Protein backbone atom coordinates (compact mmCIF):
# COMPACT_ATOMS: atom_id res chain seq x y z
CA MET A 1 -18.35 -17.49 9.27
CA ARG A 2 -19.90 -16.43 6.00
CA ILE A 3 -17.83 -14.08 3.85
CA GLU A 4 -19.54 -11.65 1.48
CA PHE A 5 -17.11 -10.06 -0.97
CA ILE A 6 -17.58 -6.41 -1.97
CA ALA A 7 -14.48 -5.49 -4.06
CA GLN A 8 -10.82 -4.62 -3.51
CA ALA A 9 -10.35 -5.05 0.28
CA GLY A 10 -14.08 -4.76 0.96
CA VAL A 11 -15.75 -7.71 2.69
CA LYS A 12 -18.65 -8.26 5.05
CA ILE A 13 -18.03 -10.97 7.63
CA HIS A 14 -21.17 -12.63 8.99
CA THR A 15 -20.83 -14.42 12.35
CA ALA A 16 -23.20 -15.74 15.01
CA HIS A 17 -22.25 -12.66 17.05
CA GLY A 18 -22.91 -10.01 14.44
CA SER A 19 -21.61 -8.72 11.11
CA ILE A 20 -18.37 -6.83 10.47
CA LEU A 21 -18.14 -4.56 7.43
CA CYS A 22 -14.54 -4.04 6.31
CA ASP A 23 -13.24 -1.35 3.95
CA PRO A 24 -16.31 -0.92 1.70
CA TRP A 25 -15.27 0.97 -1.46
CA PHE A 26 -17.57 2.03 -4.30
CA ASN A 27 -16.74 5.56 -5.47
CA PRO A 28 -13.73 6.54 -7.61
CA ALA A 29 -10.54 7.29 -5.71
CA TYR A 30 -7.35 9.28 -6.30
CA TYR A 31 -8.57 11.97 -8.66
CA ALA A 32 -10.92 9.49 -10.36
CA GLY A 33 -7.93 7.37 -11.31
CA TRP A 34 -9.04 4.20 -9.54
CA PHE A 35 -12.33 2.31 -9.73
CA PRO A 36 -13.32 -0.98 -8.08
CA TYR A 37 -12.62 -4.03 -10.23
CA PRO A 38 -14.78 -5.88 -10.96
CA ARG A 39 -17.54 -3.29 -10.71
CA ASN A 40 -19.69 -3.39 -7.58
CA ASP A 41 -22.09 -0.50 -8.10
CA LYS A 42 -25.05 -2.86 -8.63
CA LEU A 43 -24.77 -4.57 -5.24
CA ASP A 44 -27.39 -3.97 -2.52
CA HIS A 45 -25.84 -0.96 -0.78
CA ALA A 46 -28.46 -0.66 1.94
CA ALA A 47 -28.08 -4.32 2.93
CA LEU A 48 -24.30 -4.03 3.05
CA GLY A 49 -24.52 -0.90 5.18
CA ALA A 50 -26.74 -2.61 7.76
CA THR A 51 -23.84 -3.85 9.87
CA ASP A 52 -23.10 -4.35 13.55
CA TYR A 53 -19.41 -3.49 13.30
CA LEU A 54 -17.34 -1.33 10.96
CA TYR A 55 -13.62 -1.70 10.37
CA ILE A 56 -11.72 0.81 8.25
CA SER A 57 -8.14 -0.40 8.04
CA HIS A 58 -6.66 2.97 7.08
CA LEU A 59 -7.40 6.20 5.24
CA HIS A 60 -6.50 5.17 1.70
CA ARG A 61 -9.50 6.17 -0.40
CA ASP A 62 -9.92 2.66 -1.82
CA HIS A 63 -10.53 1.58 1.80
CA PHE A 64 -12.16 4.67 3.29
CA ASP A 65 -15.07 5.83 1.11
CA PRO A 66 -16.63 8.73 3.03
CA GLU A 67 -19.43 9.37 0.54
CA TRP A 68 -20.66 5.77 0.70
CA LEU A 69 -20.24 5.51 4.48
CA LYS A 70 -22.22 8.70 5.02
CA THR A 71 -25.04 7.61 2.73
CA TYR A 72 -25.43 3.90 3.47
CA CYS A 73 -23.62 2.70 6.58
CA ASN A 74 -25.32 2.26 9.96
CA LYS A 75 -23.99 5.10 12.14
CA ASP A 76 -24.68 3.07 15.30
CA ALA A 77 -22.23 0.39 14.19
CA ALA A 78 -19.38 -0.20 16.63
CA VAL A 79 -16.22 1.01 14.89
CA ILE A 80 -13.14 -1.17 15.42
CA LEU A 81 -10.40 1.46 15.62
CA PRO A 82 -6.69 0.79 15.01
CA ALA A 83 -4.25 2.38 17.45
CA TYR A 84 -2.71 5.05 15.24
CA PRO A 85 -0.41 7.83 16.49
CA LEU A 86 -2.58 10.53 14.91
CA PRO A 87 -6.37 10.76 15.41
CA GLU A 88 -7.16 11.39 11.73
CA LEU A 89 -9.13 8.16 11.12
CA LYS A 90 -11.30 8.54 14.22
CA GLU A 91 -11.95 12.21 13.50
CA ALA A 92 -12.91 11.44 9.89
CA LEU A 93 -15.41 8.79 11.01
CA GLN A 94 -16.82 11.04 13.73
CA GLY A 95 -17.34 13.67 11.06
CA LEU A 96 -19.53 11.19 9.18
CA GLY A 97 -21.71 10.52 12.24
CA PHE A 98 -20.13 7.42 13.78
CA HIS A 99 -20.06 7.61 17.55
CA GLN A 100 -19.34 4.16 19.00
CA PHE A 101 -15.68 3.18 18.94
CA ILE A 102 -13.87 0.07 20.12
CA GLU A 103 -10.42 1.40 20.96
CA THR A 104 -7.68 -1.19 20.44
CA ALA A 105 -4.01 -1.56 21.32
CA SER A 106 -1.89 -3.10 18.60
CA GLY A 107 -1.80 -6.88 18.87
CA VAL A 108 -3.89 -7.02 22.07
CA PRO A 109 -7.16 -9.02 21.95
CA VAL A 110 -10.40 -7.20 22.76
CA GLN A 111 -13.48 -9.21 23.78
CA HIS A 112 -16.70 -7.67 22.51
CA GLY A 113 -20.15 -9.21 22.14
CA GLY A 114 -18.89 -12.78 21.78
CA LEU A 115 -16.08 -11.87 19.38
CA SER A 116 -12.34 -11.78 20.02
CA ILE A 117 -10.90 -8.86 18.04
CA VAL A 118 -7.22 -8.15 17.40
CA VAL A 119 -5.97 -5.21 15.33
CA GLU A 120 -2.30 -5.09 14.36
CA ALA A 121 -1.46 -1.44 13.68
CA LEU A 122 1.52 -0.49 11.52
CA THR A 123 2.66 3.05 12.21
CA ALA A 124 5.80 3.81 10.21
CA PRO A 125 5.61 6.92 8.01
CA THR A 126 5.68 4.61 4.99
CA ASP A 127 2.69 2.53 6.19
CA GLY A 128 -0.32 3.82 4.28
CA PRO A 129 -1.37 7.41 4.95
CA ILE A 130 0.35 7.43 8.37
CA GLY A 131 -0.92 4.03 9.38
CA ASP A 132 -2.14 0.69 8.06
CA SER A 133 -3.57 -2.27 9.92
CA ALA A 134 -4.66 -5.90 9.87
CA LEU A 135 -7.74 -7.40 11.55
CA LEU A 136 -8.05 -10.80 13.26
CA ILE A 137 -11.56 -11.99 14.16
CA ASP A 138 -12.30 -15.10 16.25
CA ASP A 139 -15.99 -15.98 16.66
CA GLY A 140 -15.31 -19.08 18.74
CA VAL A 141 -15.59 -21.38 15.73
CA GLU A 142 -13.24 -19.94 13.09
CA ARG A 143 -10.50 -17.33 12.87
CA LEU A 144 -10.26 -14.87 10.00
CA LEU A 145 -7.20 -12.75 9.32
CA ASN A 146 -7.79 -9.76 7.06
CA LEU A 147 -4.40 -8.40 6.04
CA ASN A 148 -5.93 -6.17 3.31
CA ASP A 149 -2.82 -4.37 2.02
CA SER A 150 -0.90 -4.20 5.30
CA ARG A 151 2.47 -5.88 5.68
CA PRO A 152 3.04 -6.87 9.30
CA THR A 153 6.73 -7.15 10.07
CA ASP A 154 6.02 -9.86 12.69
CA PRO A 155 3.14 -11.96 11.33
CA ASP A 156 3.77 -14.57 14.03
CA ARG A 157 2.14 -12.15 16.49
CA LEU A 158 -1.13 -12.78 14.68
CA LEU A 159 -0.89 -16.53 15.22
CA VAL A 160 -0.72 -16.55 19.02
CA GLN A 161 -4.52 -16.94 19.30
CA GLY A 162 -4.34 -20.15 17.25
CA ALA A 163 -4.40 -21.37 13.67
CA ILE A 164 -5.96 -19.17 10.98
CA ASP A 165 -8.88 -20.54 8.98
CA ILE A 166 -9.42 -17.74 6.44
CA CYS A 167 -6.81 -15.24 5.24
CA LEU A 168 -7.43 -12.27 2.95
CA LEU A 169 -4.34 -10.54 1.61
CA GLN A 170 -3.04 -8.29 -1.15
CA PHE A 171 -1.15 -9.72 -4.12
CA SER A 172 -1.55 -7.11 -6.87
CA GLY A 173 0.05 -3.72 -7.40
CA ALA A 174 -1.13 -0.54 -5.73
CA ILE A 175 1.52 1.97 -6.73
CA TRP A 176 2.65 4.21 -9.57
CA TYR A 177 6.05 2.56 -10.05
CA PRO A 178 7.48 2.14 -12.62
CA MET A 179 4.74 3.36 -14.97
CA VAL A 180 5.03 7.12 -14.44
CA TYR A 181 8.82 7.29 -14.65
CA ASP A 182 10.64 8.87 -17.56
CA MET A 183 12.83 5.96 -18.64
CA PRO A 184 13.36 3.81 -21.73
CA ALA A 185 10.43 1.52 -22.47
CA LYS A 186 12.56 -1.61 -22.18
CA ALA A 187 13.76 -0.60 -18.73
CA ALA A 188 10.22 0.11 -17.56
CA GLU A 189 9.08 -3.25 -18.92
CA ALA A 190 11.86 -5.10 -17.10
CA LEU A 191 11.15 -3.32 -13.81
CA ALA A 192 7.42 -3.99 -14.10
CA LYS A 193 8.06 -7.70 -14.67
CA LYS A 194 10.31 -7.74 -11.62
CA LYS A 195 7.71 -5.98 -9.51
CA ARG A 196 4.89 -8.29 -10.64
CA ALA A 197 6.96 -11.32 -9.63
CA ALA A 198 7.93 -9.72 -6.30
CA GLN A 199 4.26 -9.09 -5.45
CA PHE A 200 3.39 -12.75 -5.88
CA THR A 201 6.47 -13.85 -3.93
CA ARG A 202 5.71 -11.55 -1.01
CA ALA A 203 2.09 -12.70 -0.79
CA ALA A 204 3.13 -16.35 -1.05
CA ARG A 205 5.65 -15.88 1.78
CA TYR A 206 2.96 -14.48 4.08
CA VAL A 207 0.73 -17.43 3.21
CA GLU A 208 3.58 -19.84 3.95
CA ILE A 209 4.06 -18.31 7.42
CA ILE A 210 0.36 -17.99 8.26
CA SER A 211 -0.65 -21.37 6.76
CA PRO A 212 -4.42 -20.76 6.68
CA ARG A 213 -7.03 -23.32 5.67
CA VAL A 214 -8.01 -21.08 2.75
CA VAL A 215 -6.71 -17.88 1.14
CA ILE A 216 -8.87 -15.22 -0.51
CA PRO A 217 -6.69 -12.93 -2.69
CA SER A 218 -8.03 -9.39 -2.24
CA ALA A 219 -7.09 -5.71 -1.96
CA GLY A 220 -6.59 -5.39 -5.70
CA PRO A 221 -6.32 -4.81 -8.49
CA PRO A 222 -8.14 -1.56 -9.17
CA CYS A 223 -9.03 -0.57 -12.71
CA PHE A 224 -8.45 2.62 -14.67
CA LEU A 225 -11.42 3.88 -16.66
CA ASP A 226 -10.32 7.35 -17.76
CA ASP A 227 -8.99 7.33 -21.33
CA GLU A 228 -5.76 8.94 -20.06
CA LEU A 229 -5.09 5.97 -17.77
CA PHE A 230 -6.79 3.02 -19.45
CA ARG A 231 -3.48 1.61 -20.74
CA TRP A 232 -2.50 0.60 -17.21
CA ASN A 233 -5.20 -2.08 -17.04
CA ASP A 234 -3.91 -5.63 -17.43
CA VAL A 235 -6.34 -6.42 -20.23
CA HIS A 236 -4.02 -8.92 -21.91
CA ASP A 237 -2.69 -10.67 -18.78
CA ALA A 238 0.75 -9.28 -19.58
CA GLU A 239 3.88 -10.16 -17.63
CA ASP A 240 4.86 -6.49 -17.47
CA SER A 241 1.67 -5.30 -15.76
CA ILE A 242 1.81 -4.81 -11.99
CA PHE A 243 -2.01 -5.16 -11.82
CA PRO A 244 -2.73 -8.89 -12.32
CA ASP A 245 -6.19 -10.09 -11.34
CA GLN A 246 -7.09 -12.56 -8.61
CA ARG A 247 -6.96 -15.64 -10.84
CA PHE A 248 -3.17 -15.55 -11.06
CA MET A 249 -2.69 -15.65 -7.28
CA VAL A 250 -5.29 -18.38 -6.87
CA GLU A 251 -3.55 -20.48 -9.52
CA ARG A 252 -0.12 -20.01 -7.97
CA LEU A 253 -1.25 -20.92 -4.47
CA GLN A 254 -3.21 -23.94 -5.65
CA ALA A 255 -0.18 -25.14 -7.61
CA GLU A 256 1.81 -24.93 -4.36
CA GLY A 257 -0.79 -27.05 -2.54
CA GLN A 258 -2.50 -24.18 -0.70
CA ALA A 259 -6.29 -23.93 -0.79
CA ALA A 260 -7.28 -20.60 -2.38
CA VAL A 261 -10.52 -19.29 -3.86
CA LEU A 262 -11.61 -16.58 -6.25
CA MET A 263 -14.18 -14.14 -4.89
CA LEU A 264 -15.76 -11.27 -6.84
CA PRO A 265 -18.24 -8.56 -5.86
CA GLY A 266 -21.36 -10.29 -4.56
CA SER A 267 -19.67 -13.66 -4.08
CA VAL A 268 -20.48 -15.45 -0.81
CA GLY A 269 -18.31 -18.17 0.72
CA GLN A 270 -18.07 -20.37 3.80
CA PHE A 271 -16.76 -23.76 4.88
CA ASN A 272 -19.20 -26.58 4.17
CA THR A 273 -19.67 -29.69 6.31
CA ASP A 274 -16.81 -31.39 4.46
CA GLY A 275 -14.42 -28.60 5.45
CA VAL A 276 -14.22 -27.19 1.93
CA PHE A 277 -14.59 -23.44 1.44
CA ASP A 278 -17.54 -23.21 -0.93
CA VAL A 279 -18.06 -20.02 -2.99
CA GLN A 280 -21.27 -18.99 -4.73
CA HIS A 281 -20.89 -16.31 -7.41
CA LEU A 282 -23.51 -13.97 -8.82
CA GLN A 283 -24.76 -14.50 -12.34
CA GLY A 284 -25.33 -12.13 -15.26
CA ASP A 285 -23.04 -9.12 -15.64
CA LEU A 286 -21.44 -9.83 -12.25
CA SER A 287 -20.58 -13.40 -13.17
CA VAL A 288 -17.05 -14.78 -13.41
CA GLN A 289 -17.62 -15.45 -17.10
CA ASP A 290 -18.67 -11.88 -17.85
CA VAL A 291 -15.76 -10.37 -15.91
CA PHE A 292 -12.97 -12.46 -17.40
CA ALA A 293 -14.18 -13.64 -20.84
CA ASP A 294 -12.86 -10.47 -22.49
CA LYS A 295 -11.41 -8.04 -19.96
CA GLU A 296 -11.00 -5.18 -22.43
CA VAL A 297 -14.63 -5.36 -23.58
CA TYR A 298 -15.75 -5.55 -19.95
CA LEU A 299 -13.67 -2.53 -18.94
CA ARG A 300 -14.65 -0.46 -21.99
CA ARG A 301 -18.32 -1.04 -21.16
CA TYR A 302 -17.65 -0.11 -17.54
CA ALA A 303 -15.80 3.03 -18.67
CA VAL A 304 -18.75 4.20 -20.77
CA ASP A 305 -21.03 3.87 -17.76
CA MET A 306 -18.61 5.78 -15.52
CA ALA A 307 -17.75 8.56 -18.01
CA PRO A 308 -20.23 11.04 -16.46
CA VAL A 309 -18.78 10.34 -13.01
CA ILE A 310 -15.25 11.02 -14.26
CA ALA A 311 -16.37 14.22 -15.99
CA ALA A 312 -18.04 15.47 -12.81
CA GLU A 313 -14.93 14.67 -10.77
CA LYS A 314 -12.71 16.57 -13.19
CA ALA A 315 -15.02 19.58 -13.12
CA SER A 316 -14.73 19.67 -9.33
CA TRP A 317 -10.96 20.17 -9.49
CA VAL A 318 -11.21 23.45 -11.41
CA GLY A 319 -10.70 26.62 -9.42
CA PRO A 320 -8.63 29.79 -9.15
CA ARG A 321 -4.99 29.57 -10.16
CA SER A 322 -2.53 29.61 -7.29
CA ASP A 323 0.42 31.96 -7.06
CA LEU A 324 2.65 28.94 -6.72
CA VAL A 325 5.99 30.19 -5.40
CA PRO A 326 4.71 32.41 -2.57
CA GLU A 327 1.94 29.99 -1.62
CA LEU A 328 4.21 26.95 -1.57
CA LYS A 329 6.84 28.97 0.27
CA ALA A 330 4.37 29.98 2.99
CA TRP A 331 3.09 26.41 3.29
CA LEU A 332 6.21 24.26 2.98
CA GLU A 333 9.08 26.25 4.48
CA PRO A 334 7.66 26.05 8.05
CA LEU A 335 7.31 22.29 7.58
CA MET A 336 10.92 22.05 6.41
CA ALA A 337 11.95 23.80 9.61
CA LEU A 338 9.99 21.24 11.63
CA GLY A 339 11.42 18.27 9.72
CA PRO A 340 15.23 18.37 9.83
CA ARG A 341 15.63 14.57 9.74
CA VAL A 342 13.34 14.24 6.74
CA CYS A 343 15.02 17.16 4.95
CA ASP A 344 18.49 15.78 5.66
CA GLY A 345 17.33 12.36 4.48
CA ILE A 346 16.30 13.90 1.15
CA GLY A 347 19.55 15.85 1.06
CA THR A 348 19.02 17.52 -2.31
CA ALA A 349 16.67 19.73 -4.31
CA ILE A 350 13.44 18.56 -5.95
CA LYS A 351 11.86 20.26 -8.94
CA ILE A 352 8.09 20.55 -9.25
CA GLN A 353 7.40 21.10 -12.96
CA THR A 354 4.01 22.17 -14.25
CA ASP A 355 2.60 23.45 -17.54
CA ASP A 356 4.06 26.94 -17.42
CA GLU A 357 6.22 27.14 -14.30
CA ALA A 358 8.73 25.23 -12.20
CA ILE A 359 9.47 25.43 -8.49
CA ILE A 360 12.51 24.21 -6.55
CA LEU A 361 12.16 22.63 -3.12
CA ASP A 362 15.67 23.09 -1.72
CA PHE A 363 15.83 20.74 1.25
CA PRO A 364 19.45 21.43 2.31
CA GLU A 365 18.62 25.16 2.46
CA ARG A 366 15.05 24.58 3.74
CA SER A 367 13.68 26.93 1.09
CA VAL A 368 11.16 27.11 -1.77
CA VAL A 369 12.22 29.20 -4.78
CA ALA A 370 11.39 29.67 -8.44
CA ASP A 371 13.31 27.40 -10.79
CA ASP A 372 16.77 28.86 -11.30
CA GLY A 373 18.02 26.34 -13.85
CA ARG A 374 20.03 24.24 -11.43
CA GLU A 375 20.38 20.49 -11.86
CA VAL A 376 18.25 18.40 -9.52
CA ASP A 377 18.10 14.75 -8.54
CA PHE A 378 14.30 14.43 -8.54
CA ARG A 379 11.60 15.94 -10.73
CA PHE A 380 7.82 15.63 -10.56
CA THR A 381 5.75 16.92 -13.48
CA ILE A 382 2.18 17.72 -12.46
CA PRO A 383 -0.65 19.15 -14.60
CA ARG A 384 -1.29 22.75 -13.60
CA TYR A 385 -4.96 22.21 -12.73
CA LEU A 386 -4.02 19.42 -10.30
CA LEU A 387 -1.13 21.31 -8.75
CA ASP A 388 -3.39 24.31 -8.22
CA HIS A 389 -5.95 22.03 -6.58
CA LEU A 390 -3.34 20.51 -4.25
CA VAL A 391 -2.15 23.95 -3.20
CA ARG A 392 -5.60 25.50 -2.96
CA THR A 393 -6.89 22.68 -0.74
CA ARG A 394 -3.61 22.34 1.20
CA THR A 395 -3.70 18.60 0.58
CA ASP A 396 -1.40 17.19 3.26
CA ASP A 397 -0.72 13.86 1.53
CA TRP A 398 0.23 13.98 -2.15
CA VAL A 399 1.38 10.34 -2.12
CA ASN A 400 -2.07 8.99 -1.33
CA SER A 401 -3.91 11.40 -3.59
CA LEU A 402 -1.96 12.65 -6.62
CA PHE A 403 0.73 9.99 -6.86
CA LEU A 404 -1.66 7.05 -6.63
CA SER A 405 -3.79 8.69 -9.33
CA LEU A 406 -0.96 8.12 -11.85
CA ARG A 407 -1.80 11.59 -13.24
CA PHE A 408 1.80 12.81 -13.13
CA SER A 409 5.25 11.83 -14.34
CA ALA A 410 8.53 11.56 -12.49
CA TRP A 411 12.25 11.38 -13.07
CA ARG A 412 15.18 10.79 -10.79
CA LYS A 413 18.91 10.91 -11.27
CA GLY A 414 19.94 8.31 -8.72
CA ALA A 415 18.47 5.80 -6.34
CA TYR A 416 15.09 5.54 -4.72
CA ASN A 417 14.83 7.65 -1.55
CA ASP A 418 12.22 6.80 1.10
CA TYR A 419 12.44 10.26 2.63
CA VAL A 420 11.14 11.91 -0.54
CA TYR A 421 7.83 10.07 -0.25
CA THR A 422 7.67 10.52 3.52
CA TRP A 423 7.88 14.26 2.86
CA PHE A 424 5.07 14.29 0.32
CA LYS A 425 2.70 12.47 2.69
CA CYS A 426 3.56 14.68 5.69
CA LEU A 427 2.55 18.16 4.53
CA SER A 428 0.99 19.24 7.81
CA THR A 429 2.45 20.15 11.19
CA ALA A 430 1.08 17.04 12.91
CA ARG A 431 2.29 14.68 10.20
CA ILE A 432 5.82 16.04 9.84
CA GLN A 433 6.27 16.05 13.61
CA TYR A 434 5.15 12.43 13.76
CA ALA A 435 7.61 11.44 11.03
CA GLU A 436 10.42 13.25 12.83
CA GLY A 437 9.61 11.42 16.05
CA PHE A 438 9.56 8.08 14.29
CA TYR A 439 12.95 8.59 12.70
CA ALA A 440 14.39 9.90 15.98
CA GLU A 441 13.37 6.73 17.82
CA ASN A 442 14.03 4.29 14.95
CA GLY A 443 14.19 1.20 17.19
CA PRO A 444 16.99 -1.28 17.87
CA THR A 445 18.09 -4.15 15.66
CA GLU A 446 17.33 -6.84 18.31
CA GLY A 447 20.57 -8.74 17.86
CA THR A 448 21.90 -10.88 15.03
CA PHE A 449 21.33 -14.32 13.53
CA ASP A 450 23.12 -16.68 11.17
CA LEU A 451 22.10 -16.74 7.52
CA THR A 452 24.14 -19.01 5.22
CA GLY A 453 27.52 -18.13 6.65
CA TRP A 454 26.82 -14.53 7.67
CA GLN A 455 25.84 -13.00 11.01
CA ILE A 456 23.36 -10.25 10.17
CA GLN A 457 21.11 -8.00 12.19
CA ARG A 458 17.68 -9.42 12.85
CA ARG A 459 15.68 -6.31 11.98
CA CYS A 460 15.57 -4.95 8.44
CA PRO A 461 17.25 -1.51 8.28
CA HIS A 462 14.35 -0.29 6.14
CA MET A 463 11.14 -0.96 8.09
CA LYS A 464 12.27 -3.32 10.90
CA ALA A 465 10.85 -6.52 9.40
CA ASP A 466 12.06 -9.73 11.03
CA LEU A 467 14.76 -10.96 8.67
CA THR A 468 14.68 -14.43 10.21
CA ARG A 469 11.29 -14.75 8.50
CA PHE A 470 11.54 -12.46 5.47
CA GLY A 471 15.27 -12.44 4.66
CA THR A 472 16.67 -14.56 1.83
CA THR A 473 20.14 -14.65 0.33
CA ASP A 474 22.09 -16.07 -2.58
CA GLY A 475 25.27 -15.90 -0.48
CA GLU A 476 26.19 -12.42 -1.65
CA THR A 477 22.99 -10.35 -1.52
CA LEU A 478 20.32 -10.19 1.18
CA THR A 479 16.71 -9.56 0.08
CA CYS A 480 13.88 -8.61 2.43
CA SER A 481 10.75 -9.92 0.74
CA ILE A 482 8.30 -7.50 2.39
CA HIS A 483 9.37 -4.55 0.23
CA GLY A 484 12.02 -6.21 -1.96
CA TRP A 485 14.96 -4.15 -0.62
CA GLN A 486 18.45 -5.61 -1.07
CA TRP A 487 21.85 -5.34 0.64
CA ASP A 488 25.37 -6.35 -0.32
CA LEU A 489 26.43 -8.71 2.48
CA ALA A 490 30.16 -8.13 2.06
CA THR A 491 29.87 -4.40 2.74
CA GLY A 492 26.45 -3.94 4.33
CA ARG A 493 25.61 -1.34 1.67
CA CYS A 494 21.98 -0.99 0.66
CA LEU A 495 21.49 -1.70 -3.05
CA THR A 496 18.01 -0.18 -3.21
CA SER A 497 18.43 3.25 -1.63
CA ASP A 498 21.07 5.53 -0.17
CA GLY A 499 21.66 4.97 3.54
CA HIS A 500 20.02 2.12 5.49
CA PRO A 501 23.26 0.15 6.14
CA LEU A 502 23.05 -3.48 7.28
CA PHE A 503 25.23 -5.04 9.96
CA SER A 504 26.75 -8.19 8.46
CA ARG A 505 29.75 -10.22 9.64
CA PRO A 506 31.24 -13.14 7.68
CA GLU A 507 31.36 -16.47 9.54
CA SER A 508 31.97 -19.13 6.89
CA GLU A 509 35.17 -19.35 4.87
CA GLN A 510 33.28 -18.48 1.69
CA ALA A 511 31.75 -15.40 3.32
CA LYS A 512 35.14 -14.30 4.64
CA ALA A 513 36.61 -14.62 1.16
CA LEU A 514 33.82 -12.46 -0.28
CA ALA A 515 34.33 -9.84 2.42
CA ALA A 516 38.10 -9.81 1.82
CA ALA A 517 37.60 -9.36 -1.92
CA ALA A 518 35.07 -6.58 -1.35
CA ALA A 519 37.57 -4.71 0.82
CA THR A 520 39.81 -4.22 -2.22
CA GLN A 521 37.01 -2.80 -4.39
CA PRO A 522 35.05 0.47 -4.32
CA PRO A 523 31.90 -0.05 -2.24
CA PRO A 524 28.77 -0.77 -4.30
CA GLY A 525 26.12 1.90 -4.49
CA PRO A 526 22.39 1.72 -5.08
CA ASP A 527 21.19 0.72 -8.52
CA ALA A 528 19.88 3.95 -10.00
CA ALA A 529 17.64 2.07 -12.43
CA ALA A 530 15.91 -0.05 -9.83
CA GLY A 531 13.53 1.41 -7.32
CA SER A 532 11.88 -0.07 -4.36
CA PRO A 533 9.32 -2.45 -5.86
CA ASP A 534 6.75 -0.61 -3.78
CA GLY A 535 8.26 2.82 -3.88
CA ALA A 536 9.28 4.88 -6.82
């Protein structure tokens, strides 16, 4: 296999049986908040688009770039389609002119044109925009696993075909937390440091389980070129930035004895006859030296070039003002009626604050009303022109549009709540009904296992990850490394969010003593200052 790197999660895989284009991204995403880093606009777009297969892992706009796909990508390419519960990805690609689809079942190999293809589809409401996926390609000589930014809860399923030669996976941040939160600067700094470390730890754990011949860190970071957002770039390699570049993951893995390589837009790599993965980089302004010698200078120059693009994007958001209360009422109240589990999971009111108005989403009462001065547990402050655009266009996923743009601020009184973000990505009838069905089924725990003196349930109460692989403990607290959620073992209480209790039973004498002591104390609650490292 020969790997051609595009940017972010974008790669083109060249095999003896054809080429596979994965997640090509070139145009700004999320209200012009995100741009590819390093820049890739000078690559040969026509050559990249001449592909035999196309794989779009999910509908995040830094993976699904409809403008580029429509303009450059071969419409006769066979599209490798993840098995998602809603047809949104297939319909979006059909709308761009693609017409040949390889339908897959999650985890089941498909033989096509000399290739063995496996797609692992993740379908929880919190997985991407209602779905995320990983791709395994076997060309008969080598196996490549492209995790992009998916987080399979059972990565062992992807190893049943044999050992992995090449693994691409995410290591950098792709979220708004904690940057947009109204909190003291020192608290935000501490949480960002914690999240940065957790990102590296999670990626390293996947690598440990998968044990590939070589790792290519990918799927991040983006860069922020608008003056309003530029401060979020990690220009000084700071410990409190959640957007470290690829070099840091390469260095960590190499220090741990794992082969890992740096690839940038235009880089090409493959195993040589000595079994070493050899990478050739472009020269000039796409060279490694130009990208990393002075990151701030590089990004400022990039920002100047993209300023007209950002200005045009901003102009496209302008339109008639919405009559917010009646329009949100007509839109959201029917969805509240269809989503009792989600509404009960939120269990409180949320305030939407904008320049000159505030609206209350009252989930216990299933109503939308003008702000009446009540205290709330969650507040989102959104510029009026963006809120009007969301309402005018009936954008059904604010999480993967507005929130990822970082063009808002947030505040919360208590703990992180998964249901809040499920709601804001399920603002259509089909999406809210899917989320309701998922929570209604909410699979079994699959028994228990022993972990340092405790019997605990095998499946994580959050997203059903296999805790025999991703659970760690200091004897008192259980941590699931996929999303960083934590539980108090003595009580089973979740320390990251309300709800989500863990079954835990003490077996060792030390564990029994901890449980006995905990029984005499008030049960611990979630830490209001700490969010999910990948939530908000």
